[in-house]
């Protein structure tokens, strides 16, 4: 799991630049608190602190 100060920015980077896709996410009050991304056999999780 990668801890990110701004999960929205990190999600955009991993998806738009590196080609990952969102496979699951949890939103709290309009902000993404956690997301699981996948590209091929690789999966990562992003979380806010």
N, C-alpha and C. Protein backbone atom coordinates (compact mmCIF):
# COMPACT_ATOMS: atom_id res chain seq x y z
N UNK A 1 0.84 -1.17 0.00
CA UNK A 1 0.00 0.00 0.00
C UNK A 1 0.89 1.24 0.00
N UNK A 2 0.55 2.18 -0.85
CA UNK A 2 1.27 3.45 -0.93
C UNK A 2 0.42 4.54 -0.27
N UNK A 3 1.00 5.26 0.65
CA UNK A 3 0.31 6.36 1.33
C UNK A 3 0.56 7.64 0.53
N UNK A 4 -0.50 8.33 0.15
CA UNK A 4 -0.41 9.54 -0.69
C UNK A 4 -1.08 10.71 0.01
N UNK A 5 -0.48 11.88 -0.10
CA UNK A 5 -1.10 13.09 0.44
C UNK A 5 -2.35 13.47 -0.34
N UNK A 6 -2.35 13.22 -1.65
CA UNK A 6 -3.49 13.54 -2.50
C UNK A 6 -3.77 12.33 -3.39
N UNK A 7 -4.72 11.51 -2.99
CA UNK A 7 -4.99 10.28 -3.74
C UNK A 7 -5.53 10.57 -5.14
N UNK A 8 -6.30 11.65 -5.31
CA UNK A 8 -6.83 11.98 -6.64
C UNK A 8 -5.69 12.25 -7.63
N UNK A 9 -4.70 13.00 -7.21
CA UNK A 9 -3.55 13.29 -8.08
C UNK A 9 -2.79 12.00 -8.38
N UNK A 10 -2.60 11.17 -7.37
CA UNK A 10 -1.87 9.91 -7.56
C UNK A 10 -2.64 8.97 -8.49
N UNK A 11 -3.95 8.89 -8.33
CA UNK A 11 -4.77 8.04 -9.21
C UNK A 11 -4.64 8.51 -10.66
N UNK A 12 -4.74 9.82 -10.88
CA UNK A 12 -4.61 10.35 -12.25
C UNK A 12 -3.24 10.00 -12.83
N UNK A 13 -2.18 10.13 -12.04
CA UNK A 13 -0.84 9.80 -12.53
C UNK A 13 -0.75 8.33 -12.91
N UNK A 14 -1.14 7.44 -12.01
CA UNK A 14 -1.01 6.01 -12.28
C UNK A 14 -1.89 5.57 -13.45
N UNK A 15 -3.08 6.16 -13.58
CA UNK A 15 -3.98 5.78 -14.67
C UNK A 15 -3.60 6.45 -16.00
N UNK A 16 -3.44 7.77 -15.98
CA UNK A 16 -3.20 8.51 -17.23
C UNK A 16 -1.79 8.34 -17.77
N UNK A 17 -0.80 8.28 -16.89
CA UNK A 17 0.60 8.21 -17.34
C UNK A 17 1.09 6.77 -17.43
N UNK A 18 0.77 5.96 -16.43
CA UNK A 18 1.32 4.60 -16.37
C UNK A 18 0.36 3.51 -16.86
N UNK A 19 -0.89 3.87 -17.18
CA UNK A 19 -1.81 2.92 -17.77
C UNK A 19 -2.54 1.99 -16.82
N UNK A 20 -2.58 2.30 -15.53
CA UNK A 20 -3.34 1.49 -14.58
C UNK A 20 -4.83 1.78 -14.72
N UNK A 21 -5.66 0.85 -14.25
CA UNK A 21 -7.11 1.03 -14.21
C UNK A 21 -7.59 0.89 -12.78
N UNK A 22 -8.60 1.65 -12.42
CA UNK A 22 -9.19 1.56 -11.08
C UNK A 22 -10.04 0.30 -11.03
N UNK A 23 -9.78 -0.57 -10.05
CA UNK A 23 -10.61 -1.76 -9.89
C UNK A 23 -11.50 -1.67 -8.65
N UNK A 24 -11.16 -0.78 -7.72
CA UNK A 24 -12.00 -0.56 -6.54
C UNK A 24 -11.58 0.75 -5.90
N UNK A 25 -12.53 1.41 -5.23
CA UNK A 25 -12.19 2.65 -4.54
C UNK A 25 -13.21 2.91 -3.44
N UNK A 26 -12.78 3.68 -2.45
CA UNK A 26 -13.66 4.07 -1.36
C UNK A 26 -13.58 5.59 -1.25
N UNK A 27 -14.72 6.23 -1.37
CA UNK A 27 -14.78 7.69 -1.30
C UNK A 27 -15.43 8.13 0.00
N UNK A 28 -14.81 9.10 0.65
CA UNK A 28 -15.36 9.70 1.87
C UNK A 28 -15.58 11.18 1.63
N UNK A 29 -16.81 11.62 1.73
CA UNK A 29 -17.16 13.04 1.59
C UNK A 29 -16.57 13.63 0.30
N UNK A 30 -16.71 12.91 -0.80
CA UNK A 30 -16.24 13.41 -2.07
C UNK A 30 -14.76 13.25 -2.34
N UNK A 31 -13.99 12.78 -1.37
CA UNK A 31 -12.56 12.57 -1.55
C UNK A 31 -12.27 11.08 -1.56
N UNK A 32 -11.34 10.67 -2.38
CA UNK A 32 -10.96 9.26 -2.41
C UNK A 32 -10.01 8.98 -1.26
N UNK A 33 -10.43 8.10 -0.35
CA UNK A 33 -9.58 7.75 0.78
C UNK A 33 -8.71 6.54 0.50
N UNK A 34 -9.15 5.73 -0.50
CA UNK A 34 -8.45 4.49 -0.79
C UNK A 34 -8.80 4.06 -2.21
N UNK A 35 -7.85 3.49 -2.94
CA UNK A 35 -8.12 2.98 -4.28
C UNK A 35 -7.20 1.81 -4.58
N UNK A 36 -7.73 0.86 -5.33
CA UNK A 36 -6.95 -0.28 -5.79
C UNK A 36 -6.85 -0.16 -7.31
N UNK A 37 -5.64 -0.23 -7.84
CA UNK A 37 -5.40 -0.06 -9.26
C UNK A 37 -4.71 -1.30 -9.81
N UNK A 38 -4.93 -1.57 -11.10
CA UNK A 38 -4.33 -2.75 -11.72
C UNK A 38 -3.86 -2.42 -13.13
N UNK A 39 -2.73 -3.00 -13.48
CA UNK A 39 -2.21 -2.97 -14.86
C UNK A 39 -1.62 -4.34 -15.12
N UNK A 40 -2.29 -5.11 -15.95
CA UNK A 40 -1.86 -6.48 -16.19
C UNK A 40 -1.93 -7.27 -14.89
N UNK A 41 -0.83 -7.93 -14.54
CA UNK A 41 -0.78 -8.72 -13.30
C UNK A 41 -0.37 -7.89 -12.09
N UNK A 42 -0.11 -6.60 -12.30
CA UNK A 42 0.36 -5.73 -11.21
C UNK A 42 -0.79 -4.98 -10.56
N UNK A 43 -0.84 -5.02 -9.24
CA UNK A 43 -1.86 -4.30 -8.49
C UNK A 43 -1.18 -3.45 -7.43
N UNK A 44 -1.72 -2.24 -7.23
CA UNK A 44 -1.25 -1.38 -6.15
C UNK A 44 -2.46 -0.80 -5.43
N UNK A 45 -2.26 -0.44 -4.19
CA UNK A 45 -3.29 0.23 -3.42
C UNK A 45 -2.76 1.59 -3.00
N UNK A 46 -3.59 2.60 -3.15
CA UNK A 46 -3.26 3.96 -2.74
C UNK A 46 -4.18 4.35 -1.60
N UNK A 47 -3.65 5.02 -0.61
CA UNK A 47 -4.45 5.43 0.54
C UNK A 47 -4.02 6.80 1.01
N UNK A 48 -4.99 7.55 1.53
CA UNK A 48 -4.65 8.83 2.16
C UNK A 48 -4.17 8.55 3.58
N UNK A 49 -3.36 9.47 4.15
CA UNK A 49 -2.82 9.23 5.50
C UNK A 49 -3.91 9.21 6.57
